[in-house]
PDB file of N, CA and C in Angstrom:
ATOM      1  N   MET A   1     -14.177 -25.723   7.454  1.00  0.00           N
ATOM      2  CA  MET A   1     -13.279 -26.474   6.628  1.00  0.00           C
ATOM      3  C   MET A   1     -11.844 -25.976   6.819  1.00  0.00           C
ATOM      4  N   PHE A   2     -10.900 -26.890   6.817  1.00  0.00           N
ATOM      5  CA  PHE A   2      -9.485 -26.583   6.961  1.00  0.00           C
ATOM      6  C   PHE A   2      -8.734 -27.280   5.845  1.00  0.00           C
ATOM      7  N   ARG A   3      -7.854 -26.534   5.188  1.00  0.00           N
ATOM      8  CA  ARG A   3      -7.101 -27.123   4.089  1.00  0.00           C
ATOM      9  C   ARG A   3      -5.704 -26.534   4.029  1.00  0.00           C
ATOM     10  N   ILE A   4      -4.736 -27.366   3.649  1.00  0.00           N
ATOM     11  CA  ILE A   4      -3.357 -26.931   3.464  1.00  0.00           C
ATOM     12  C   ILE A   4      -2.931 -27.288   2.046  1.00  0.00           C
ATOM     13  N   ASP A   5      -2.447 -26.304   1.310  1.00  0.00           N
ATOM     14  CA  ASP A   5      -1.881 -26.531  -0.023  1.00  0.00           C
ATOM     15  C   ASP A   5      -0.407 -26.166   0.039  1.00  0.00           C
ATOM     16  N   LYS A   6       0.443 -27.059  -0.436  1.00  0.00           N
ATOM     17  CA  LYS A   6       1.884 -26.826  -0.431  1.00  0.00           C
ATOM     18  C   LYS A   6       2.314 -26.336  -1.807  1.00  0.00           C
ATOM     19  N   ARG A   7       3.090 -25.240  -1.806  1.00  0.00           N
ATOM     20  CA  ARG A   7       3.622 -24.693  -3.057  1.00  0.00           C
ATOM     21  C   ARG A   7       5.137 -24.579  -2.925  1.00  0.00           C
ATOM     22  N   LEU A   8       5.835 -25.114  -3.912  1.00  0.00           N
ATOM     23  CA  LEU A   8       7.285 -25.027  -3.959  1.00  0.00           C
ATOM     24  C   LEU A   8       7.669 -23.996  -5.004  1.00  0.00           C
ATOM     25  N   ASP A   9       8.478 -23.026  -4.602  1.00  0.00           N
ATOM     26  CA  ASP A   9       8.922 -21.986  -5.522  1.00  0.00           C
ATOM     27  C   ASP A   9      10.430 -21.823  -5.344  1.00  0.00           C
ATOM     28  N   CYS A  10      11.187 -22.396  -6.263  1.00  0.00           N
ATOM     29  CA  CYS A  10      12.657 -22.404  -6.190  1.00  0.00           C
ATOM     30  C   CYS A  10      13.101 -23.033  -4.875  1.00  0.00           C
ATOM     31  N   SER A  11      13.607 -22.229  -3.970  1.00  0.00           N
ATOM     32  CA  SER A  11      14.128 -22.783  -2.719  1.00  0.00           C
ATOM     33  C   SER A  11      13.185 -22.555  -1.534  1.00  0.00           C
ATOM     34  N   GLU A  12      12.005 -21.996  -1.782  1.00  0.00           N
ATOM     35  CA  GLU A  12      11.086 -21.665  -0.687  1.00  0.00           C
ATOM     36  C   GLU A  12       9.783 -22.451  -0.811  1.00  0.00           C
ATOM     37  N   THR A  13       9.311 -22.925   0.326  1.00  0.00           N
ATOM     38  CA  THR A  13       8.026 -23.622   0.378  1.00  0.00           C
ATOM     39  C   THR A  13       7.012 -22.706   1.047  1.00  0.00           C
ATOM     40  N   THR A  14       5.845 -22.628   0.456  1.00  0.00           N
ATOM     41  CA  THR A  14       4.753 -21.862   1.050  1.00  0.00           C
ATOM     42  C   THR A  14       3.596 -22.810   1.318  1.00  0.00           C
ATOM     43  N   LEU A  15       3.099 -22.757   2.534  1.00  0.00           N
ATOM     44  CA  LEU A  15       1.906 -23.517   2.890  1.00  0.00           C
ATOM     45  C   LEU A  15       0.741 -22.538   2.904  1.00  0.00           C
ATOM     46  N   ARG A  16      -0.177 -22.731   1.985  1.00  0.00           N
ATOM     47  CA  ARG A  16      -1.356 -21.861   1.892  1.00  0.00           C
ATOM     48  C   ARG A  16      -2.470 -22.517   2.698  1.00  0.00           C
ATOM     49  N   ILE A  17      -2.905 -21.824   3.730  1.00  0.00           N
ATOM     50  CA  ILE A  17      -3.915 -22.346   4.642  1.00  0.00           C
ATOM     51  C   ILE A  17      -5.262 -21.729   4.268  1.00  0.00           C
ATOM     52  N   SER A  18      -6.294 -22.549   4.253  1.00  0.00           N
ATOM     53  CA  SER A  18      -7.643 -22.073   3.927  1.00  0.00           C
ATOM     54  C   SER A  18      -8.620 -22.490   5.006  1.00  0.00           C
ATOM     55  N   GLY A  19      -9.620 -21.645   5.221  1.00  0.00           N
ATOM     56  CA  GLY A  19     -10.707 -21.975   6.141  1.00  0.00           C
ATOM     57  C   GLY A  19     -10.423 -21.586   7.576  1.00  0.00           C
ATOM     58  N   ARG A  20     -10.856 -22.430   8.480  1.00  0.00           N
ATOM     59  CA  ARG A  20     -10.710 -22.192   9.916  1.00  0.00           C
ATOM     60  C   ARG A  20      -9.507 -22.959  10.453  1.00  0.00           C
ATOM     61  N   ILE A  21      -8.722 -22.294  11.292  1.00  0.00           N
ATOM     62  CA  ILE A  21      -7.654 -22.999  12.006  1.00  0.00           C
ATOM     63  C   ILE A  21      -8.132 -23.139  13.448  1.00  0.00           C
ATOM     64  N   GLN A  22      -8.332 -24.370  13.863  1.00  0.00           N
ATOM     65  CA  GLN A  22      -8.767 -24.652  15.222  1.00  0.00           C
ATOM     66  C   GLN A  22      -7.709 -25.501  15.922  1.00  0.00           C
ATOM     67  N   SER A  23      -7.831 -25.632  17.225  1.00  0.00           N
ATOM     68  CA  SER A  23      -6.851 -26.398  17.993  1.00  0.00           C
ATOM     69  C   SER A  23      -6.670 -27.808  17.444  1.00  0.00           C
ATOM     70  N   LYS A  24      -7.733 -28.410  16.949  1.00  0.00           N
ATOM     71  CA  LYS A  24      -7.640 -29.769  16.424  1.00  0.00           C
ATOM     72  C   LYS A  24      -6.816 -29.835  15.134  1.00  0.00           C
ATOM     73  N   ASN A  25      -6.615 -28.686  14.448  1.00  0.00           N
ATOM     74  CA  ASN A  25      -5.837 -28.637  13.211  1.00  0.00           C
ATOM     75  C   ASN A  25      -4.349 -28.373  13.448  1.00  0.00           C
ATOM     76  N   VAL A  26      -4.003 -27.909  14.640  1.00  0.00           N
ATOM     77  CA  VAL A  26      -2.615 -27.537  14.923  1.00  0.00           C
ATOM     78  C   VAL A  26      -1.650 -28.711  14.731  1.00  0.00           C
ATOM     79  N   PRO A  27      -1.944 -29.926  15.223  1.00  0.00           N
ATOM     80  CA  PRO A  27      -0.993 -31.027  14.987  1.00  0.00           C
ATOM     81  C   PRO A  27      -0.762 -31.316  13.504  1.00  0.00           C
ATOM     82  N   GLU A  28      -1.803 -31.258  12.705  1.00  0.00           N
ATOM     83  CA  GLU A  28      -1.658 -31.482  11.265  1.00  0.00           C
ATOM     84  C   GLU A  28      -0.804 -30.394  10.624  1.00  0.00           C
ATOM     85  N   LEU A  29      -1.040 -29.155  11.021  1.00  0.00           N
ATOM     86  CA  LEU A  29      -0.269 -28.043  10.486  1.00  0.00           C
ATOM     87  C   LEU A  29       1.188 -28.146  10.923  1.00  0.00           C
ATOM     88  N   ARG A  30       1.417 -28.500  12.178  1.00  0.00           N
ATOM     89  CA  ARG A  30       2.777 -28.668  12.690  1.00  0.00           C
ATOM     90  C   ARG A  30       3.510 -29.766  11.904  1.00  0.00           C
ATOM     91  N   ALA A  31       2.834 -30.881  11.667  1.00  0.00           N
ATOM     92  CA  ALA A  31       3.436 -31.989  10.917  1.00  0.00           C
ATOM     93  C   ALA A  31       3.774 -31.555   9.489  1.00  0.00           C
ATOM     94  N   GLU A  32       2.907 -30.785   8.881  1.00  0.00           N
ATOM     95  CA  GLU A  32       3.155 -30.307   7.518  1.00  0.00           C
ATOM     96  C   GLU A  32       4.359 -29.370   7.494  1.00  0.00           C
ATOM     97  N   ILE A  33       4.479 -28.509   8.489  1.00  0.00           N
ATOM     98  CA  ILE A  33       5.632 -27.603   8.588  1.00  0.00           C
ATOM     99  C   ILE A  33       6.915 -28.413   8.740  1.00  0.00           C
ATOM    100  N   GLU A  34       6.885 -29.408   9.623  1.00  0.00           N
ATOM    101  CA  GLU A  34       8.074 -30.232   9.857  1.00  0.00           C
ATOM    102  C   GLU A  34       8.458 -31.048   8.625  1.00  0.00           C
ATOM    103  N   SER A  35       7.491 -31.422   7.806  1.00  0.00           N
ATOM    104  CA  SER A  35       7.775 -32.217   6.607  1.00  0.00           C
ATOM    105  C   SER A  35       8.451 -31.400   5.512  1.00  0.00           C
ATOM    106  N   CYS A  36       8.453 -30.092   5.656  1.00  0.00           N
ATOM    107  CA  CYS A  36       9.035 -29.225   4.629  1.00  0.00           C
ATOM    108  C   CYS A  36      10.562 -29.228   4.633  1.00  0.00           C
ATOM    109  N   GLY A  37      11.176 -29.674   5.698  1.00  0.00           N
ATOM    110  CA  GLY A  37      12.636 -29.638   5.782  1.00  0.00           C
ATOM    111  C   GLY A  37      13.115 -28.285   6.269  1.00  0.00           C
ATOM    112  N   SER A  38      13.082 -27.286   5.399  1.00  0.00           N
ATOM    113  CA  SER A  38      13.409 -25.924   5.827  1.00  0.00           C
ATOM    114  C   SER A  38      12.125 -25.230   6.267  1.00  0.00           C
ATOM    115  N   GLN A  39      12.286 -24.060   6.852  1.00  0.00           N
ATOM    116  CA  GLN A  39      11.104 -23.356   7.352  1.00  0.00           C
ATOM    117  C   GLN A  39      10.283 -22.778   6.201  1.00  0.00           C
ATOM    118  N   PRO A  40       9.028 -23.157   6.130  1.00  0.00           N
ATOM    119  CA  PRO A  40       8.170 -22.614   5.073  1.00  0.00           C
ATOM    120  C   PRO A  40       7.590 -21.264   5.480  1.00  0.00           C
ATOM    121  N   CYS A  41       6.941 -20.623   4.549  1.00  0.00           N
ATOM    122  CA  CYS A  41       6.108 -19.451   4.837  1.00  0.00           C
ATOM    123  C   CYS A  41       4.680 -19.964   4.972  1.00  0.00           C
ATOM    124  N   LEU A  42       3.914 -19.326   5.825  1.00  0.00           N
ATOM    125  CA  LEU A  42       2.500 -19.668   5.949  1.00  0.00           C
ATOM    126  C   LEU A  42       1.688 -18.541   5.324  1.00  0.00           C
ATOM    127  N   ASP A  43       0.948 -18.849   4.292  1.00  0.00           N
ATOM    128  CA  ASP A  43       0.085 -17.875   3.635  1.00  0.00           C
ATOM    129  C   ASP A  43      -1.308 -18.015   4.244  1.00  0.00           C
ATOM    130  N   LEU A  44      -1.721 -16.989   4.955  1.00  0.00           N
ATOM    131  CA  LEU A  44      -2.986 -17.020   5.700  1.00  0.00           C
ATOM    132  C   LEU A  44      -4.094 -16.219   5.025  1.00  0.00           C
ATOM    133  N   GLU A  45      -3.910 -15.901   3.758  1.00  0.00           N
ATOM    134  CA  GLU A  45      -4.885 -15.052   3.056  1.00  0.00           C
ATOM    135  C   GLU A  45      -6.301 -15.618   3.091  1.00  0.00           C
ATOM    136  N   GLU A  46      -6.436 -16.918   3.010  1.00  0.00           N
ATOM    137  CA  GLU A  46      -7.759 -17.529   2.971  1.00  0.00           C
ATOM    138  C   GLU A  46      -8.219 -18.076   4.319  1.00  0.00           C
ATOM    139  N   VAL A  47      -7.536 -17.684   5.388  1.00  0.00           N
ATOM    140  CA  VAL A  47      -7.967 -18.082   6.737  1.00  0.00           C
ATOM    141  C   VAL A  47      -9.035 -17.095   7.172  1.00  0.00           C
ATOM    142  N   ASN A  48     -10.189 -17.630   7.562  1.00  0.00           N
ATOM    143  CA  ASN A  48     -11.278 -16.734   7.946  1.00  0.00           C
ATOM    144  C   ASN A  48     -11.652 -16.810   9.417  1.00  0.00           C
ATOM    145  N   LEU A  49     -11.113 -17.787  10.145  1.00  0.00           N
ATOM    146  CA  LEU A  49     -11.433 -17.906  11.562  1.00  0.00           C
ATOM    147  C   LEU A  49     -10.325 -18.668  12.267  1.00  0.00           C
ATOM    148  N   VAL A  50      -9.980 -18.229  13.472  1.00  0.00           N
ATOM    149  CA  VAL A  50      -8.977 -18.897  14.293  1.00  0.00           C
ATOM    150  C   VAL A  50      -9.500 -18.986  15.719  1.00  0.00           C
ATOM    151  N   ASP A  51      -8.902 -19.880  16.504  1.00  0.00           N
ATOM    152  CA  ASP A  51      -9.214 -19.912  17.932  1.00  0.00           C
ATOM    153  C   ASP A  51      -7.941 -19.582  18.704  1.00  0.00           C
ATOM    154  N   ARG A  52      -8.053 -19.540  20.003  1.00  0.00           N
ATOM    155  CA  ARG A  52      -6.918 -19.113  20.836  1.00  0.00           C
ATOM    156  C   ARG A  52      -5.710 -20.039  20.685  1.00  0.00           C
ATOM    157  N   ALA A  53      -5.936 -21.337  20.632  1.00  0.00           N
ATOM    158  CA  ALA A  53      -4.818 -22.284  20.490  1.00  0.00           C
ATOM    159  C   ALA A  53      -4.087 -22.059  19.176  1.00  0.00           C
ATOM    160  N   SER A  54      -4.820 -21.787  18.111  1.00  0.00           N
ATOM    161  CA  SER A  54      -4.170 -21.563  16.823  1.00  0.00           C
ATOM    162  C   SER A  54      -3.436 -20.223  16.797  1.00  0.00           C
ATOM    163  N   VAL A  55      -3.961 -19.215  17.485  1.00  0.00           N
ATOM    164  CA  VAL A  55      -3.263 -17.936  17.591  1.00  0.00           C
ATOM    165  C   VAL A  55      -1.939 -18.139  18.325  1.00  0.00           C
ATOM    166  N   ARG A  56      -1.968 -18.876  19.402  1.00  0.00           N
ATOM    167  CA  ARG A  56      -0.731 -19.165  20.133  1.00  0.00           C
ATOM    168  C   ARG A  56       0.244 -19.959  19.269  1.00  0.00           C
ATOM    169  N   PHE A  57      -0.267 -20.860  18.462  1.00  0.00           N
ATOM    170  CA  PHE A  57       0.582 -21.618  17.556  1.00  0.00           C
ATOM    171  C   PHE A  57       1.232 -20.694  16.534  1.00  0.00           C
ATOM    172  N   LEU A  58       0.469 -19.761  15.987  1.00  0.00           N
ATOM    173  CA  LEU A  58       1.023 -18.816  15.012  1.00  0.00           C
ATOM    174  C   LEU A  58       2.101 -17.943  15.648  1.00  0.00           C
ATOM    175  N   ILE A  59       1.907 -17.573  16.894  1.00  0.00           N
ATOM    176  CA  ILE A  59       2.927 -16.810  17.630  1.00  0.00           C
ATOM    177  C   ILE A  59       4.209 -17.628  17.724  1.00  0.00           C
ATOM    178  N   SER A  60       4.077 -18.901  18.066  1.00  0.00           N
ATOM    179  CA  SER A  60       5.266 -19.757  18.174  1.00  0.00           C
ATOM    180  C   SER A  60       5.936 -19.953  16.819  1.00  0.00           C
ATOM    181  N   CYS A  61       5.153 -20.007  15.757  1.00  0.00           N
ATOM    182  CA  CYS A  61       5.727 -20.124  14.414  1.00  0.00           C
ATOM    183  C   CYS A  61       6.601 -18.913  14.104  1.00  0.00           C
ATOM    184  N   GLU A  62       6.074 -17.726  14.366  1.00  0.00           N
ATOM    185  CA  GLU A  62       6.854 -16.511  14.125  1.00  0.00           C
ATOM    186  C   GLU A  62       8.108 -16.476  14.987  1.00  0.00           C
ATOM    187  N   ALA A  63       7.996 -16.926  16.223  1.00  0.00           N
ATOM    188  CA  ALA A  63       9.156 -16.954  17.119  1.00  0.00           C
ATOM    189  C   ALA A  63      10.244 -17.881  16.586  1.00  0.00           C
ATOM    190  N   GLU A  64       9.844 -18.895  15.831  1.00  0.00           N
ATOM    191  CA  GLU A  64      10.791 -19.839  15.227  1.00  0.00           C
ATOM    192  C   GLU A  64      11.311 -19.350  13.878  1.00  0.00           C
ATOM    193  N   GLY A  65      10.870 -18.180  13.437  1.00  0.00           N
ATOM    194  CA  GLY A  65      11.350 -17.609  12.187  1.00  0.00           C
ATOM    195  C   GLY A  65      10.490 -17.900  10.974  1.00  0.00           C
ATOM    196  N   ILE A  66       9.322 -18.470  11.183  1.00  0.00           N
ATOM    197  CA  ILE A  66       8.406 -18.751  10.078  1.00  0.00           C
ATOM    198  C   ILE A  66       7.642 -17.473   9.747  1.00  0.00           C
ATOM    199  N   ARG A  67       7.679 -17.087   8.471  1.00  0.00           N
ATOM    200  CA  ARG A  67       6.975 -15.872   8.053  1.00  0.00           C
ATOM    201  C   ARG A  67       5.496 -16.156   7.853  1.00  0.00           C
ATOM    202  N   LEU A  68       4.665 -15.221   8.319  1.00  0.00           N
ATOM    203  CA  LEU A  68       3.222 -15.298   8.117  1.00  0.00           C
ATOM    204  C   LEU A  68       2.853 -14.276   7.054  1.00  0.00           C
ATOM    205  N   LEU A  69       2.345 -14.757   5.947  1.00  0.00           N
ATOM    206  CA  LEU A  69       1.972 -13.883   4.841  1.00  0.00           C
ATOM    207  C   LEU A  69       0.469 -13.644   4.840  1.00  0.00           C
ATOM    208  N   HIS A  70       0.069 -12.438   4.480  1.00  0.00           N
ATOM    209  CA  HIS A  70      -1.342 -12.073   4.324  1.00  0.00           C
ATOM    210  C   HIS A  70      -2.172 -12.375   5.573  1.00  0.00           C
ATOM    211  N   CYS A  71      -1.607 -12.077   6.716  1.00  0.00           N
ATOM    212  CA  CYS A  71      -2.299 -12.324   7.992  1.00  0.00           C
ATOM    213  C   CYS A  71      -3.330 -11.217   8.214  1.00  0.00           C
ATOM    214  N   ARG A  72      -4.553 -11.594   8.447  1.00  0.00           N
ATOM    215  CA  ARG A  72      -5.633 -10.610   8.640  1.00  0.00           C
ATOM    216  C   ARG A  72      -5.365  -9.738   9.876  1.00  0.00           C
ATOM    217  N   PRO A  73      -5.774  -8.475   9.813  1.00  0.00           N
ATOM    218  CA  PRO A  73      -5.520  -7.558  10.926  1.00  0.00           C
ATOM    219  C   PRO A  73      -6.074  -8.045  12.269  1.00  0.00           C
ATOM    220  N   TYR A  74      -7.238  -8.679  12.282  1.00  0.00           N
ATOM    221  CA  TYR A  74      -7.787  -9.124  13.561  1.00  0.00           C
ATOM    222  C   TYR A  74      -6.933 -10.246  14.161  1.00  0.00           C
ATOM    223  N   ILE A  75      -6.318 -11.066  13.316  1.00  0.00           N
ATOM    224  CA  ILE A  75      -5.441 -12.121  13.825  1.00  0.00           C
ATOM    225  C   ILE A  75      -4.165 -11.502  14.385  1.00  0.00           C
ATOM    226  N   ARG A  76      -3.599 -10.524  13.681  1.00  0.00           N
ATOM    227  CA  ARG A  76      -2.407  -9.812  14.168  1.00  0.00           C
ATOM    228  C   ARG A  76      -2.687  -9.162  15.520  1.00  0.00           C
ATOM    229  N   GLU A  77      -3.839  -8.518  15.622  1.00  0.00           N
ATOM    230  CA  GLU A  77      -4.220  -7.863  16.878  1.00  0.00           C
ATOM    231  C   GLU A  77      -4.323  -8.881  18.006  1.00  0.00           C
ATOM    232  N   TRP A  78      -4.938  -9.991  17.734  1.00  0.00           N
ATOM    233  CA  TRP A  78      -5.096 -11.048  18.741  1.00  0.00           C
ATOM    234  C   TRP A  78      -3.722 -11.583  19.151  1.00  0.00           C
ATOM    235  N   MET A  79      -2.850 -11.763  18.171  1.00  0.00           N
ATOM    236  CA  MET A  79      -1.500 -12.241  18.463  1.00  0.00           C
ATOM    237  C   MET A  79      -0.774 -11.252  19.385  1.00  0.00           C
ATOM    238  N   LEU A  80      -0.904  -9.971  19.093  1.00  0.00           N
ATOM    239  CA  LEU A  80      -0.275  -8.942  19.922  1.00  0.00           C
ATOM    240  C   LEU A  80      -0.818  -8.991  21.345  1.00  0.00           C
ATOM    241  N   ARG A  81      -2.124  -9.115  21.471  1.00  0.00           N
ATOM    242  CA  ARG A  81      -2.746  -9.183  22.799  1.00  0.00           C
ATOM    243  C   ARG A  81      -2.271 -10.403  23.584  1.00  0.00           C
ATOM    244  N   GLU A  82      -2.152 -11.529  22.910  1.00  0.00           N
ATOM    245  CA  GLU A  82      -1.663 -12.747  23.570  1.00  0.00           C
ATOM    246  C   GLU A  82      -0.217 -12.573  24.032  1.00  0.00           C
ATOM    247  N   LYS A  83       0.607 -11.956  23.189  1.00  0.00           N
ATOM    248  CA  LYS A  83       2.007 -11.720  23.558  1.00  0.00           C
ATOM    249  C   LYS A  83       2.102 -10.811  24.777  1.00  0.00           C
ATOM    250  N   LEU A  84       1.310  -9.743  24.778  1.00  0.00           N
ATOM    251  CA  LEU A  84       1.320  -8.817  25.906  1.00  0.00           C
ATOM    252  C   LEU A  84       0.842  -9.497  27.182  1.00  0.00           C
ATOM    253  N   GLN A  85      -0.185 -10.305  27.060  1.00  0.00           N
ATOM    254  CA  GLN A  85      -0.709 -11.007  28.223  1.00  0.00           C
ATOM    255  C   GLN A  85       0.320 -11.983  28.772  1.00  0.00           C
ATOM    256  N   GLU A  86       1.000 -12.709  27.894  1.00  0.00           N
ATOM    257  CA  GLU A  86       2.042 -13.641  28.322  1.00  0.00           C
ATOM    258  C   GLU A  86       3.196 -12.921  28.996  1.00  0.00           C
ATOM    259  N   ALA A  87       3.502 -11.716  28.521  1.00  0.00           N
ATOM    260  CA  ALA A  87       4.601 -10.936  29.082  1.00  0.00           C
ATOM    261  C   ALA A  87       4.210 -10.240  30.389  1.00  0.00           C
ATOM    262  N   GLY A  88       2.954 -10.390  30.786  1.00  0.00           N
ATOM    263  CA  GLY A  88       2.502  -9.789  32.032  1.00  0.00           C
ATOM    264  C   GLY A  88       2.129  -8.332  31.927  1.00  0.00           C
ATOM    265  N   HIS A  89       1.690  -7.909  30.755  1.00  0.00           N
ATOM    266  CA  HIS A  89       1.282  -6.528  30.533  1.00  0.00           C
ATOM    267  C   HIS A  89      -0.185  -6.438  30.131  1.00  0.00           C
ATOM    268  N   PRO A  90      -1.097  -7.000  30.931  1.00  0.00           N
ATOM    269  CA  PRO A  90      -2.510  -6.985  30.527  1.00  0.00           C
ATOM    270  C   PRO A  90      -3.113  -5.590  30.483  1.00  0.00           C
ATOM    271  N   ASP A  91      -2.542  -4.630  31.222  1.00  0.00           N
ATOM    272  CA  ASP A  91      -3.094  -3.276  31.234  1.00  0.00           C
ATOM    273  C   ASP A  91      -2.795  -2.543  29.934  1.00  0.00           C
ATOM    274  N   GLU A  92      -1.907  -3.052  29.103  1.00  0.00           N
ATOM    275  CA  GLU A  92      -1.596  -2.437  27.818  1.00  0.00           C
ATOM    276  C   GLU A  92      -2.525  -2.912  26.719  1.00  0.00           C
ATOM    277  N   LEU A  93      -3.463  -3.781  27.059  1.00  0.00           N
ATOM    278  CA  LEU A  93      -4.401  -4.304  26.070  1.00  0.00           C
ATOM    279  C   LEU A  93      -5.385  -3.233  25.726  1.00  0.00           C
TER     280      LEU A  93
END
């Protein structure tokens, strides 16, 4: 299951993501981010599974200045590994 809940708090929007983020969910998540106007925060506390496409998407979100809140350690580790691999440093994995 994949779900997005939008929370407005003063001048900041938080998108709380629940369930699994899979490649098929990335367009919906991207559209929701774009509909916010300003850059929202992504709260990943209730995300329990991701795939490679969604990890790459989260990397691009951070590169655009979107904050990732409550990101699970295994997702952070995967993101780091993907960044290193893209940079051509696979031996540092």
